[in-house]
Amino acid sequence: MFENLFKKWNQKRLTDERFAFLFDENEEGEDQEIVVFDCETTGLNPRVDDIISIGAVKIKGNRILANEAIHLFVKQDSQISPESIAIHQIRHCDLNGAIPIKEAIEKFLYYIGNRKLAGYYLEFDVAMINKYTKPMIGVTLPNKKEEISAIYYDKKISPIPQGHIDLKFDTIIKDLALPKLKAHDALNDAVMTAMMYLKLQQVKKLY
């Protein structure tokens, strides 16, 4: 109930009718598509840090639609710090052909549509996107959201009710016996997270 009320409250604040589709009802069942996405950023504080790249891929049924994936690189107004480069390996000179943040956000919104969003520690990535959508179109992302680490935790905690659950990305990948792609690449991270999501849908409990 609260979710529906917030969605209606959010919709009233939409200032750009081009994006009214974000509030459409999403399909349920086998034909439902889910978008898994990840952002590489200049730091871990949405208030002061910026998006460097966005990677996103769709899931439909038990398939990852890799041929429909997007990987957007964003122009930076200032030099990327050495500390940030050490994590994601993206240098300022690697951003030739990058697009302005407004264009990147618009492309991302058209890509996700009204689909459910999933991700690993999704709250941070959503906060980074919302930092730009709020001033651009007046609203935050209204899409339903699903946190991968929470799904993993729920399926792991039952066999180990008093145990410690390691929720690190690499730990989950290894525990689910999934291939590890190059880390700290927005699209690779999105694809690996999509693989996690599908694998977790197939198991009842993790031992």
N, C-alpha and C. Protein backbone atom coordinates (compact mmCIF):
# COMPACT_ATOMS: atom_id res chain seq x y z
N MET A 1 0.83 -1.20 0.00
CA MET A 1 0.00 0.00 0.00
C MET A 1 0.87 1.26 0.00
N PHE A 2 1.88 1.28 0.91
CA PHE A 2 2.76 2.44 0.98
C PHE A 2 3.49 2.64 -0.34
N GLU A 3 3.90 1.52 -0.97
CA GLU A 3 4.62 1.60 -2.25
C GLU A 3 3.76 2.26 -3.32
N ASN A 4 2.47 1.90 -3.37
CA ASN A 4 1.56 2.48 -4.36
C ASN A 4 1.32 3.96 -4.10
N LEU A 5 1.20 4.32 -2.82
CA LEU A 5 0.99 5.73 -2.47
C LEU A 5 2.20 6.57 -2.86
N PHE A 6 3.39 6.03 -2.58
CA PHE A 6 4.61 6.76 -2.94
C PHE A 6 4.72 6.91 -4.45
N LYS A 7 4.34 5.86 -5.18
CA LYS A 7 4.41 5.91 -6.64
C LYS A 7 3.51 7.01 -7.18
N LYS A 8 2.29 7.11 -6.64
CA LYS A 8 1.36 8.16 -7.09
C LYS A 8 1.89 9.54 -6.72
N TRP A 9 2.43 9.67 -5.52
CA TRP A 9 3.00 10.95 -5.06
C TRP A 9 4.17 11.35 -5.96
N ASN A 10 4.99 10.36 -6.30
CA ASN A 10 6.15 10.59 -7.16
C ASN A 10 5.71 11.02 -8.56
N GLN A 11 4.68 10.33 -9.08
CA GLN A 11 4.21 10.60 -10.44
C GLN A 11 3.70 12.03 -10.60
N LYS A 12 3.08 12.56 -9.56
CA LYS A 12 2.55 13.92 -9.62
C LYS A 12 3.65 14.96 -9.79
N ARG A 13 4.87 14.57 -9.44
CA ARG A 13 5.99 15.50 -9.52
C ARG A 13 6.78 15.39 -10.82
N LEU A 14 6.33 14.51 -11.71
CA LEU A 14 6.99 14.36 -13.00
C LEU A 14 6.88 15.65 -13.80
N THR A 15 8.01 16.18 -14.24
CA THR A 15 8.03 17.45 -14.97
C THR A 15 8.28 17.28 -16.47
N ASP A 16 8.53 16.05 -16.91
CA ASP A 16 8.79 15.78 -18.32
C ASP A 16 7.94 14.60 -18.74
N GLU A 17 6.86 14.89 -19.47
CA GLU A 17 5.88 13.85 -19.83
C GLU A 17 6.45 12.79 -20.76
N ARG A 18 7.63 13.03 -21.34
CA ARG A 18 8.25 11.99 -22.17
C ARG A 18 8.52 10.72 -21.38
N PHE A 19 8.66 10.89 -20.04
CA PHE A 19 9.03 9.76 -19.21
C PHE A 19 7.87 9.23 -18.36
N ALA A 20 6.65 9.54 -18.80
CA ALA A 20 5.47 9.03 -18.08
C ALA A 20 5.42 7.51 -18.11
N PHE A 21 6.06 6.90 -19.11
CA PHE A 21 6.05 5.43 -19.23
C PHE A 21 6.72 4.74 -18.05
N LEU A 22 7.55 5.47 -17.30
CA LEU A 22 8.19 4.88 -16.13
C LEU A 22 7.17 4.40 -15.10
N PHE A 23 5.98 5.01 -15.13
CA PHE A 23 4.96 4.72 -14.13
C PHE A 23 3.93 3.71 -14.63
N ASP A 24 4.09 3.20 -15.86
CA ASP A 24 3.17 2.18 -16.36
C ASP A 24 3.30 0.90 -15.54
N GLU A 25 2.22 0.13 -15.50
CA GLU A 25 2.25 -1.16 -14.80
C GLU A 25 3.15 -2.12 -15.57
N ASN A 26 3.95 -2.89 -14.85
CA ASN A 26 4.87 -3.83 -15.48
C ASN A 26 4.19 -5.18 -15.69
N GLU A 27 4.59 -5.87 -16.77
CA GLU A 27 4.05 -7.21 -17.03
C GLU A 27 4.54 -8.19 -15.97
N GLU A 28 3.69 -9.15 -15.64
CA GLU A 28 4.08 -10.22 -14.74
C GLU A 28 4.15 -11.52 -15.53
N GLY A 29 4.78 -12.53 -14.94
CA GLY A 29 4.81 -13.84 -15.57
C GLY A 29 6.01 -14.05 -16.47
N GLU A 30 5.89 -15.02 -17.38
CA GLU A 30 7.02 -15.44 -18.21
C GLU A 30 7.54 -14.34 -19.12
N ASP A 31 6.67 -13.44 -19.54
CA ASP A 31 7.07 -12.39 -20.48
C ASP A 31 7.68 -11.17 -19.78
N GLN A 32 7.70 -11.19 -18.45
CA GLN A 32 8.25 -10.06 -17.72
C GLN A 32 9.75 -9.92 -17.98
N GLU A 33 10.18 -8.70 -18.22
CA GLU A 33 11.60 -8.42 -18.37
C GLU A 33 12.10 -7.67 -17.13
N ILE A 34 13.31 -7.98 -16.73
CA ILE A 34 13.95 -7.34 -15.58
C ILE A 34 15.25 -6.73 -16.07
N VAL A 35 15.60 -5.56 -15.58
CA VAL A 35 16.87 -4.92 -15.94
C VAL A 35 17.82 -4.99 -14.76
N VAL A 36 18.99 -5.55 -15.01
CA VAL A 36 20.06 -5.59 -14.01
C VAL A 36 21.08 -4.53 -14.43
N PHE A 37 21.45 -3.64 -13.50
CA PHE A 37 22.40 -2.59 -13.89
C PHE A 37 23.42 -2.31 -12.80
N ASP A 38 24.49 -1.64 -13.23
CA ASP A 38 25.57 -1.28 -12.33
C ASP A 38 26.17 0.03 -12.79
N CYS A 39 26.64 0.83 -11.84
CA CYS A 39 27.32 2.09 -12.15
C CYS A 39 28.76 2.05 -11.64
N GLU A 40 29.67 2.57 -12.46
CA GLU A 40 31.02 2.87 -11.97
C GLU A 40 31.04 4.37 -11.68
N THR A 41 31.58 4.75 -10.55
CA THR A 41 31.50 6.14 -10.09
C THR A 41 32.85 6.66 -9.62
N THR A 42 32.90 7.97 -9.38
CA THR A 42 34.15 8.58 -8.90
C THR A 42 34.37 8.34 -7.42
N GLY A 43 33.37 7.82 -6.72
CA GLY A 43 33.47 7.57 -5.29
C GLY A 43 32.20 6.94 -4.77
N LEU A 44 32.06 6.86 -3.48
CA LEU A 44 30.94 6.14 -2.87
C LEU A 44 29.92 7.04 -2.17
N ASN A 45 29.97 8.34 -2.46
CA ASN A 45 29.04 9.28 -1.86
C ASN A 45 28.19 9.92 -2.96
N PRO A 46 26.91 9.50 -3.10
CA PRO A 46 26.07 10.05 -4.17
C PRO A 46 25.93 11.57 -4.14
N ARG A 47 26.11 12.17 -2.98
CA ARG A 47 25.96 13.62 -2.88
C ARG A 47 27.06 14.38 -3.62
N VAL A 48 28.26 13.83 -3.61
CA VAL A 48 29.38 14.58 -4.19
C VAL A 48 30.06 13.86 -5.35
N ASP A 49 29.83 12.57 -5.50
CA ASP A 49 30.51 11.82 -6.55
C ASP A 49 29.64 11.71 -7.80
N ASP A 50 30.28 11.33 -8.91
CA ASP A 50 29.61 11.32 -10.21
C ASP A 50 29.68 9.93 -10.85
N ILE A 51 28.78 9.72 -11.79
CA ILE A 51 28.77 8.47 -12.56
C ILE A 51 29.78 8.56 -13.69
N ILE A 52 30.60 7.52 -13.82
CA ILE A 52 31.55 7.43 -14.93
C ILE A 52 31.00 6.53 -16.04
N SER A 53 30.36 5.45 -15.65
CA SER A 53 29.77 4.56 -16.65
C SER A 53 28.56 3.82 -16.07
N ILE A 54 27.66 3.42 -16.97
CA ILE A 54 26.47 2.64 -16.60
C ILE A 54 26.42 1.42 -17.50
N GLY A 55 26.29 0.26 -16.90
CA GLY A 55 26.11 -0.98 -17.67
C GLY A 55 24.78 -1.60 -17.29
N ALA A 56 24.03 -2.06 -18.27
CA ALA A 56 22.72 -2.65 -17.98
C ALA A 56 22.41 -3.76 -18.98
N VAL A 57 21.71 -4.78 -18.49
CA VAL A 57 21.33 -5.91 -19.34
C VAL A 57 19.94 -6.37 -18.91
N LYS A 58 19.17 -6.87 -19.87
CA LYS A 58 17.82 -7.35 -19.58
C LYS A 58 17.82 -8.86 -19.37
N ILE A 59 16.91 -9.31 -18.50
CA ILE A 59 16.63 -10.73 -18.31
C ILE A 59 15.19 -10.97 -18.73
N LYS A 60 14.96 -12.03 -19.48
CA LYS A 60 13.60 -12.44 -19.83
C LYS A 60 13.51 -13.95 -19.65
N GLY A 61 12.60 -14.37 -18.79
CA GLY A 61 12.50 -15.79 -18.47
C GLY A 61 13.79 -16.26 -17.82
N ASN A 62 14.44 -17.25 -18.42
CA ASN A 62 15.71 -17.73 -17.88
C ASN A 62 16.88 -17.34 -18.77
N ARG A 63 16.69 -16.26 -19.55
CA ARG A 63 17.73 -15.83 -20.49
C ARG A 63 18.22 -14.42 -20.19
N ILE A 64 19.50 -14.21 -20.37
CA ILE A 64 20.10 -12.88 -20.32
C ILE A 64 20.17 -12.38 -21.75
N LEU A 65 19.55 -11.25 -22.03
CA LEU A 65 19.50 -10.71 -23.39
C LEU A 65 20.75 -9.87 -23.65
N ALA A 66 21.89 -10.56 -23.76
CA ALA A 66 23.18 -9.89 -23.87
C ALA A 66 23.27 -9.00 -25.11
N ASN A 67 22.57 -9.38 -26.18
CA ASN A 67 22.64 -8.60 -27.41
C ASN A 67 21.89 -7.27 -27.29
N GLU A 68 21.13 -7.09 -26.20
CA GLU A 68 20.41 -5.84 -25.98
C GLU A 68 21.04 -5.00 -24.86
N ALA A 69 22.19 -5.43 -24.39
CA ALA A 69 22.85 -4.73 -23.28
C ALA A 69 23.31 -3.33 -23.71
N ILE A 70 23.44 -2.43 -22.73
CA ILE A 70 24.00 -1.11 -23.00
C ILE A 70 25.17 -0.85 -22.05
N HIS A 71 26.13 -0.09 -22.55
CA HIS A 71 27.28 0.31 -21.74
C HIS A 71 27.58 1.76 -22.09
N LEU A 72 27.23 2.66 -21.19
CA LEU A 72 27.34 4.10 -21.43
C LEU A 72 28.50 4.69 -20.64
N PHE A 73 29.33 5.48 -21.33
CA PHE A 73 30.42 6.19 -20.66
C PHE A 73 30.08 7.67 -20.62
N VAL A 74 30.36 8.30 -19.48
CA VAL A 74 29.92 9.67 -19.22
C VAL A 74 31.09 10.64 -19.19
N LYS A 75 30.93 11.77 -19.89
CA LYS A 75 31.95 12.81 -19.87
C LYS A 75 32.14 13.32 -18.44
N GLN A 76 33.38 13.64 -18.09
CA GLN A 76 33.69 14.16 -16.74
C GLN A 76 34.17 15.60 -16.83
N ASP A 77 33.66 16.43 -15.93
CA ASP A 77 34.05 17.84 -15.90
C ASP A 77 35.43 18.03 -15.29
N SER A 78 35.85 17.10 -14.46
CA SER A 78 37.16 17.21 -13.82
C SER A 78 37.90 15.89 -13.95
N GLN A 79 39.18 15.91 -13.67
CA GLN A 79 40.01 14.71 -13.79
C GLN A 79 39.57 13.65 -12.78
N ILE A 80 39.58 12.39 -13.22
CA ILE A 80 39.25 11.27 -12.33
C ILE A 80 40.42 11.05 -11.38
N SER A 81 40.13 10.89 -10.10
CA SER A 81 41.19 10.77 -9.11
C SER A 81 41.94 9.44 -9.26
N PRO A 82 43.23 9.42 -8.89
CA PRO A 82 44.00 8.18 -8.93
C PRO A 82 43.36 7.06 -8.09
N GLU A 83 42.74 7.43 -6.96
CA GLU A 83 42.10 6.44 -6.10
C GLU A 83 40.93 5.76 -6.83
N SER A 84 40.18 6.55 -7.59
CA SER A 84 39.05 6.02 -8.34
C SER A 84 39.53 5.15 -9.50
N ILE A 85 40.58 5.60 -10.19
CA ILE A 85 41.13 4.83 -11.31
C ILE A 85 41.64 3.48 -10.85
N ALA A 86 42.22 3.43 -9.64
CA ALA A 86 42.76 2.18 -9.11
C ALA A 86 41.67 1.12 -8.96
N ILE A 87 40.42 1.55 -8.79
CA ILE A 87 39.31 0.61 -8.61
C ILE A 87 38.74 0.16 -9.95
N HIS A 88 38.37 1.10 -10.80
CA HIS A 88 37.67 0.73 -12.04
C HIS A 88 38.53 0.80 -13.30
N GLN A 89 39.77 1.28 -13.18
CA GLN A 89 40.71 1.31 -14.31
C GLN A 89 40.26 2.21 -15.46
N ILE A 90 39.33 3.12 -15.20
CA ILE A 90 38.89 4.05 -16.25
C ILE A 90 39.60 5.38 -16.06
N ARG A 91 40.42 5.76 -17.04
CA ARG A 91 41.15 7.02 -16.99
C ARG A 91 40.41 8.06 -17.83
N HIS A 92 40.78 9.33 -17.64
CA HIS A 92 40.12 10.39 -18.39
C HIS A 92 40.29 10.17 -19.89
N CYS A 93 41.47 9.69 -20.28
CA CYS A 93 41.74 9.48 -21.71
C CYS A 93 40.94 8.33 -22.28
N ASP A 94 40.35 7.50 -21.43
CA ASP A 94 39.53 6.37 -21.89
C ASP A 94 38.11 6.81 -22.23
N LEU A 95 37.80 8.08 -21.99
CA LEU A 95 36.42 8.55 -22.16
C LEU A 95 36.19 9.26 -23.49
N ASN A 96 37.07 9.02 -24.46
CA ASN A 96 36.83 9.55 -25.80
C ASN A 96 35.53 8.94 -26.34
N GLY A 97 34.64 9.80 -26.80
CA GLY A 97 33.35 9.30 -27.27
C GLY A 97 32.31 9.21 -26.18
N ALA A 98 32.69 9.57 -24.94
CA ALA A 98 31.72 9.56 -23.84
C ALA A 98 30.65 10.64 -24.08
N ILE A 99 29.50 10.47 -23.46
CA ILE A 99 28.38 11.38 -23.68
C ILE A 99 28.07 12.18 -22.41
N PRO A 100 27.42 13.33 -22.53
CA PRO A 100 27.04 14.11 -21.34
C PRO A 100 26.12 13.31 -20.43
N ILE A 101 26.16 13.61 -19.14
CA ILE A 101 25.38 12.85 -18.17
C ILE A 101 23.88 12.90 -18.47
N LYS A 102 23.38 14.05 -18.92
CA LYS A 102 21.94 14.15 -19.21
C LYS A 102 21.55 13.17 -20.31
N GLU A 103 22.37 13.08 -21.34
CA GLU A 103 22.09 12.14 -22.44
C GLU A 103 22.17 10.70 -21.94
N ALA A 104 23.16 10.41 -21.09
CA ALA A 104 23.31 9.05 -20.56
C ALA A 104 22.10 8.65 -19.72
N ILE A 105 21.64 9.56 -18.87
CA ILE A 105 20.48 9.26 -18.02
C ILE A 105 19.24 9.04 -18.88
N GLU A 106 19.04 9.87 -19.90
CA GLU A 106 17.88 9.70 -20.76
C GLU A 106 17.92 8.36 -21.49
N LYS A 107 19.09 7.99 -22.02
CA LYS A 107 19.23 6.70 -22.68
C LYS A 107 18.93 5.56 -21.71
N PHE A 108 19.41 5.70 -20.48
CA PHE A 108 19.18 4.67 -19.46
C PHE A 108 17.68 4.56 -19.14
N LEU A 109 16.99 5.68 -19.01
CA LEU A 109 15.56 5.65 -18.69
C LEU A 109 14.75 5.02 -19.81
N TYR A 110 15.08 5.35 -21.05
CA TYR A 110 14.38 4.72 -22.17
C TYR A 110 14.66 3.22 -22.21
N TYR A 111 15.85 2.83 -21.80
CA TYR A 111 16.23 1.41 -21.79
C TYR A 111 15.46 0.63 -20.73
N ILE A 112 15.38 1.17 -19.51
CA ILE A 112 14.73 0.42 -18.43
C ILE A 112 13.22 0.46 -18.53
N GLY A 113 12.66 1.55 -19.08
CA GLY A 113 11.21 1.66 -19.15
C GLY A 113 10.58 1.49 -17.79
N ASN A 114 9.52 0.68 -17.74
CA ASN A 114 8.81 0.44 -16.47
C ASN A 114 9.22 -0.89 -15.83
N ARG A 115 10.33 -1.47 -16.32
CA ARG A 115 10.74 -2.79 -15.85
C ARG A 115 11.26 -2.78 -14.41
N LYS A 116 11.13 -3.93 -13.76
CA LYS A 116 11.73 -4.10 -12.44
C LYS A 116 13.25 -4.01 -12.57
N LEU A 117 13.90 -3.43 -11.56
CA LEU A 117 15.35 -3.30 -11.53
C LEU A 117 15.93 -4.26 -10.51
N ALA A 118 17.07 -4.84 -10.84
CA ALA A 118 17.77 -5.71 -9.89
C ALA A 118 19.24 -5.34 -9.91
N GLY A 119 19.92 -5.60 -8.79
CA GLY A 119 21.34 -5.29 -8.75
C GLY A 119 21.96 -5.74 -7.44
N TYR A 120 23.27 -5.61 -7.38
CA TYR A 120 24.03 -5.95 -6.18
C TYR A 120 24.30 -4.65 -5.42
N TYR A 121 23.80 -4.58 -4.18
CA TYR A 121 23.77 -3.32 -3.42
C TYR A 121 23.19 -2.22 -4.28
N LEU A 122 21.99 -2.53 -4.77
CA LEU A 122 21.26 -1.69 -5.71
C LEU A 122 20.96 -0.30 -5.15
N GLU A 123 20.83 -0.19 -3.85
CA GLU A 123 20.47 1.09 -3.24
C GLU A 123 21.45 2.20 -3.65
N PHE A 124 22.74 1.86 -3.70
CA PHE A 124 23.74 2.87 -4.07
C PHE A 124 23.57 3.29 -5.52
N ASP A 125 23.44 2.32 -6.43
CA ASP A 125 23.32 2.64 -7.85
C ASP A 125 22.05 3.44 -8.13
N VAL A 126 20.96 3.08 -7.47
CA VAL A 126 19.70 3.83 -7.62
C VAL A 126 19.88 5.26 -7.12
N ALA A 127 20.57 5.42 -5.99
CA ALA A 127 20.81 6.76 -5.44
C ALA A 127 21.62 7.61 -6.42
N MET A 128 22.59 6.98 -7.09
CA MET A 128 23.39 7.72 -8.08
C MET A 128 22.53 8.16 -9.26
N ILE A 129 21.66 7.28 -9.74
CA ILE A 129 20.77 7.64 -10.85
C ILE A 129 19.78 8.73 -10.41
N ASN A 130 19.21 8.57 -9.21
CA ASN A 130 18.23 9.53 -8.70
C ASN A 130 18.83 10.93 -8.53
N LYS A 131 20.12 10.97 -8.28
CA LYS A 131 20.80 12.26 -8.14
C LYS A 131 20.58 13.12 -9.39
N TYR A 132 20.46 12.46 -10.54
CA TYR A 132 20.29 13.19 -11.80
C TYR A 132 18.83 13.24 -12.26
N THR A 133 18.05 12.17 -12.01
CA THR A 133 16.67 12.18 -12.48
C THR A 133 15.84 13.24 -11.76
N LYS A 134 16.11 13.44 -10.47
CA LYS A 134 15.29 14.40 -9.70
C LYS A 134 15.35 15.80 -10.30
N PRO A 135 16.54 16.38 -10.54
CA PRO A 135 16.56 17.72 -11.15
C PRO A 135 16.16 17.71 -12.63
N MET A 136 16.37 16.59 -13.32
CA MET A 136 16.08 16.53 -14.76
C MET A 136 14.59 16.39 -15.05
N ILE A 137 13.91 15.46 -14.36
CA ILE A 137 12.50 15.18 -14.67
C ILE A 137 11.60 15.25 -13.45
N GLY A 138 12.15 15.64 -12.31
CA GLY A 138 11.33 15.91 -11.13
C GLY A 138 11.05 14.71 -10.23
N VAL A 139 11.47 13.48 -10.65
CA VAL A 139 11.12 12.30 -9.86
C VAL A 139 12.32 11.37 -9.68
N THR A 140 12.20 10.50 -8.70
CA THR A 140 13.17 9.41 -8.53
C THR A 140 12.63 8.17 -9.26
N LEU A 141 13.48 7.18 -9.44
CA LEU A 141 13.06 5.97 -10.17
C LEU A 141 11.88 5.30 -9.48
N PRO A 142 10.74 5.15 -10.17
CA PRO A 142 9.57 4.52 -9.55
C PRO A 142 9.53 3.01 -9.73
N ASN A 143 10.48 2.45 -10.46
CA ASN A 143 10.48 1.02 -10.79
C ASN A 143 10.57 0.15 -9.54
N LYS A 144 9.95 -1.01 -9.58
CA LYS A 144 10.13 -1.99 -8.52
C LYS A 144 11.59 -2.42 -8.52
N LYS A 145 12.08 -2.80 -7.34
CA LYS A 145 13.51 -3.11 -7.21
C LYS A 145 13.72 -4.40 -6.44
N GLU A 146 14.77 -5.11 -6.79
CA GLU A 146 15.09 -6.37 -6.12
C GLU A 146 16.59 -6.44 -5.87
N GLU A 147 16.95 -6.69 -4.62
CA GLU A 147 18.35 -6.70 -4.20
C GLU A 147 18.91 -8.13 -4.22
N ILE A 148 19.95 -8.34 -5.01
CA ILE A 148 20.52 -9.68 -5.18
C ILE A 148 21.10 -10.23 -3.88
N SER A 149 21.82 -9.39 -3.14
CA SER A 149 22.43 -9.88 -1.90
C SER A 149 21.36 -10.30 -0.88
N ALA A 150 20.19 -9.65 -0.93
CA ALA A 150 19.10 -10.03 -0.02
C ALA A 150 18.52 -11.39 -0.39
N ILE A 151 18.38 -11.64 -1.70
CA ILE A 151 17.90 -12.95 -2.16
C ILE A 151 18.87 -14.04 -1.72
N TYR A 152 20.16 -13.78 -1.93
CA TYR A 152 21.20 -14.74 -1.53
C TYR A 152 21.15 -14.99 -0.03
N TYR A 153 21.04 -13.92 0.74
CA TYR A 153 21.00 -14.03 2.20
C TYR A 153 19.84 -14.92 2.65
N ASP A 154 18.65 -14.67 2.08
CA ASP A 154 17.46 -15.43 2.47
C ASP A 154 17.61 -16.92 2.17
N LYS A 155 18.28 -17.24 1.08
CA LYS A 155 18.43 -18.65 0.71
C LYS A 155 19.59 -19.32 1.45
N LYS A 156 20.46 -18.51 2.03
CA LYS A 156 21.61 -19.04 2.74
C LYS A 156 21.35 -19.14 4.24
N ILE A 157 20.52 -18.25 4.78
CA ILE A 157 20.37 -18.16 6.23
C ILE A 157 19.60 -19.34 6.81
N SER A 158 18.69 -19.95 6.03
CA SER A 158 17.91 -21.07 6.56
C SER A 158 18.78 -22.25 6.98
N PRO A 159 19.74 -22.69 6.14
CA PRO A 159 20.61 -23.79 6.58
C PRO A 159 21.59 -23.37 7.68
N ILE A 160 21.87 -22.06 7.80
CA ILE A 160 22.84 -21.60 8.81
C ILE A 160 22.19 -20.49 9.64
N PRO A 161 21.14 -20.79 10.41
CA PRO A 161 20.36 -19.74 11.09
C PRO A 161 21.17 -18.88 12.04
N GLN A 162 22.23 -19.42 12.63
CA GLN A 162 23.03 -18.63 13.57
C GLN A 162 24.38 -18.24 12.98
N GLY A 163 24.57 -18.52 11.71
CA GLY A 163 25.87 -18.30 11.10
C GLY A 163 26.04 -16.92 10.50
N HIS A 164 27.28 -16.62 10.14
CA HIS A 164 27.60 -15.37 9.45
C HIS A 164 27.51 -15.60 7.95
N ILE A 165 26.79 -14.74 7.26
CA ILE A 165 26.64 -14.86 5.81
C ILE A 165 27.54 -13.82 5.14
N ASP A 166 28.50 -14.30 4.37
CA ASP A 166 29.41 -13.41 3.64
C ASP A 166 28.71 -12.94 2.37
N LEU A 167 28.46 -11.64 2.28
CA LEU A 167 27.71 -11.10 1.15
C LEU A 167 28.60 -10.39 0.13
N LYS A 168 29.91 -10.62 0.20
CA LYS A 168 30.79 -9.99 -0.79
C LYS A 168 30.48 -10.53 -2.18
N PHE A 169 30.62 -9.67 -3.18
CA PHE A 169 30.30 -10.02 -4.56
C PHE A 169 31.06 -11.28 -5.00
N ASP A 170 32.38 -11.29 -4.77
CA ASP A 170 33.20 -12.43 -5.19
C ASP A 170 32.79 -13.72 -4.49
N THR A 171 32.39 -13.60 -3.22
CA THR A 171 31.96 -14.78 -2.46
C THR A 171 30.70 -15.38 -3.06
N ILE A 172 29.74 -14.52 -3.42
CA ILE A 172 28.49 -15.01 -3.99
C ILE A 172 28.75 -15.67 -5.35
N ILE A 173 29.56 -15.03 -6.19
CA ILE A 173 29.91 -15.59 -7.49
C ILE A 173 30.51 -17.00 -7.33
N LYS A 174 31.45 -17.12 -6.39
CA LYS A 174 32.13 -18.41 -6.17
C LYS A 174 31.16 -19.45 -5.62
N ASP A 175 30.33 -19.05 -4.65
CA ASP A 175 29.41 -19.99 -4.02
C ASP A 175 28.38 -20.51 -5.02
N LEU A 176 28.01 -19.67 -5.99
CA LEU A 176 27.04 -20.08 -7.00
C LEU A 176 27.70 -20.77 -8.20
N ALA A 177 29.04 -20.91 -8.14
CA ALA A 177 29.80 -21.58 -9.21
C ALA A 177 29.59 -20.91 -10.56
N LEU A 178 29.67 -19.58 -10.56
CA LEU A 178 29.48 -18.81 -11.78
C LEU A 178 30.82 -18.29 -12.29
N PRO A 179 30.95 -18.09 -13.60
CA PRO A 179 32.20 -17.55 -14.15
C PRO A 179 32.41 -16.11 -13.73
N LYS A 180 33.66 -15.75 -13.46
CA LYS A 180 33.98 -14.39 -13.03
C LYS A 180 34.57 -13.62 -14.21
N LEU A 181 33.90 -12.55 -14.59
CA LEU A 181 34.39 -11.67 -15.64
C LEU A 181 35.28 -10.60 -15.02
N LYS A 182 35.88 -9.77 -15.85
CA LYS A 182 36.71 -8.69 -15.36
C LYS A 182 35.88 -7.80 -14.43
N ALA A 183 36.35 -7.63 -13.20
CA ALA A 183 35.58 -6.88 -12.20
C ALA A 183 35.69 -5.38 -12.40
N HIS A 184 34.77 -4.64 -11.76
CA HIS A 184 34.74 -3.17 -11.77
C HIS A 184 34.64 -2.62 -13.18
N ASP A 185 33.91 -3.34 -14.01
CA ASP A 185 33.49 -2.89 -15.32
C ASP A 185 31.96 -2.93 -15.24
N ALA A 186 31.30 -1.79 -15.50
CA ALA A 186 29.87 -1.69 -15.23
C ALA A 186 29.07 -2.77 -15.96
N LEU A 187 29.38 -3.02 -17.23
CA LEU A 187 28.62 -4.02 -17.97
C LEU A 187 28.94 -5.43 -17.49
N ASN A 188 30.21 -5.73 -17.27
CA ASN A 188 30.58 -7.05 -16.76
C ASN A 188 29.91 -7.32 -15.42
N ASP A 189 29.92 -6.31 -14.54
CA ASP A 189 29.29 -6.47 -13.23
C ASP A 189 27.79 -6.71 -13.37
N ALA A 190 27.16 -6.00 -14.32
CA ALA A 190 25.72 -6.19 -14.55
C ALA A 190 25.45 -7.61 -15.06
N VAL A 191 26.28 -8.10 -15.97
CA VAL A 191 26.09 -9.45 -16.52
C VAL A 191 26.30 -10.50 -15.43
N MET A 192 27.36 -10.35 -14.61
CA MET A 192 27.58 -11.30 -13.52
C MET A 192 26.43 -11.28 -12.52
N THR A 193 25.92 -10.09 -12.25
CA THR A 193 24.80 -9.97 -11.31
C THR A 193 23.55 -10.62 -11.91
N ALA A 194 23.37 -10.48 -13.21
CA ALA A 194 22.23 -11.13 -13.87
C ALA A 194 22.36 -12.66 -13.77
N MET A 195 23.59 -13.17 -13.91
CA MET A 195 23.81 -14.61 -13.75
C MET A 195 23.47 -15.04 -12.32
N MET A 196 23.87 -14.23 -11.34
CA MET A 196 23.52 -14.53 -9.94
C MET A 196 22.00 -14.62 -9.79
N TYR A 197 21.31 -13.64 -10.35
CA TYR A 197 19.86 -13.56 -10.21
C TYR A 197 19.20 -14.83 -10.76
N LEU A 198 19.60 -15.23 -11.96
CA LEU A 198 19.00 -16.42 -12.56
C LEU A 198 19.31 -17.68 -11.76
N LYS A 199 20.56 -17.79 -11.30
CA LYS A 199 20.95 -18.97 -10.52
C LYS A 199 20.14 -19.03 -9.22
N LEU A 200 19.95 -17.91 -8.58
CA LEU A 200 19.22 -17.87 -7.31
C LEU A 200 17.74 -18.20 -7.50
N GLN A 201 17.20 -17.94 -8.70
CA GLN A 201 15.81 -18.31 -8.96
C GLN A 201 15.64 -19.83 -9.07
N GLN A 202 16.75 -20.50 -9.35
CA GLN A 202 16.69 -21.96 -9.60
C GLN A 202 16.89 -22.81 -8.35
N VAL A 203 17.35 -22.18 -7.27
CA VAL A 203 17.62 -22.96 -6.05
C VAL A 203 16.69 -22.54 -4.92
N LYS A 204 16.30 -23.51 -4.11
CA LYS A 204 15.44 -23.21 -2.96
C LYS A 204 16.28 -22.79 -1.75
N LYS A 205 17.38 -23.51 -1.53
CA LYS A 205 18.27 -23.21 -0.41
C LYS A 205 19.71 -23.38 -0.86
N LEU A 206 20.62 -22.68 -0.17
CA LEU A 206 22.04 -22.82 -0.45
C LEU A 206 22.73 -23.42 0.75
N TYR A 207 23.57 -24.42 0.52
CA TYR A 207 24.25 -25.07 1.63
C TYR A 207 25.75 -24.81 1.56
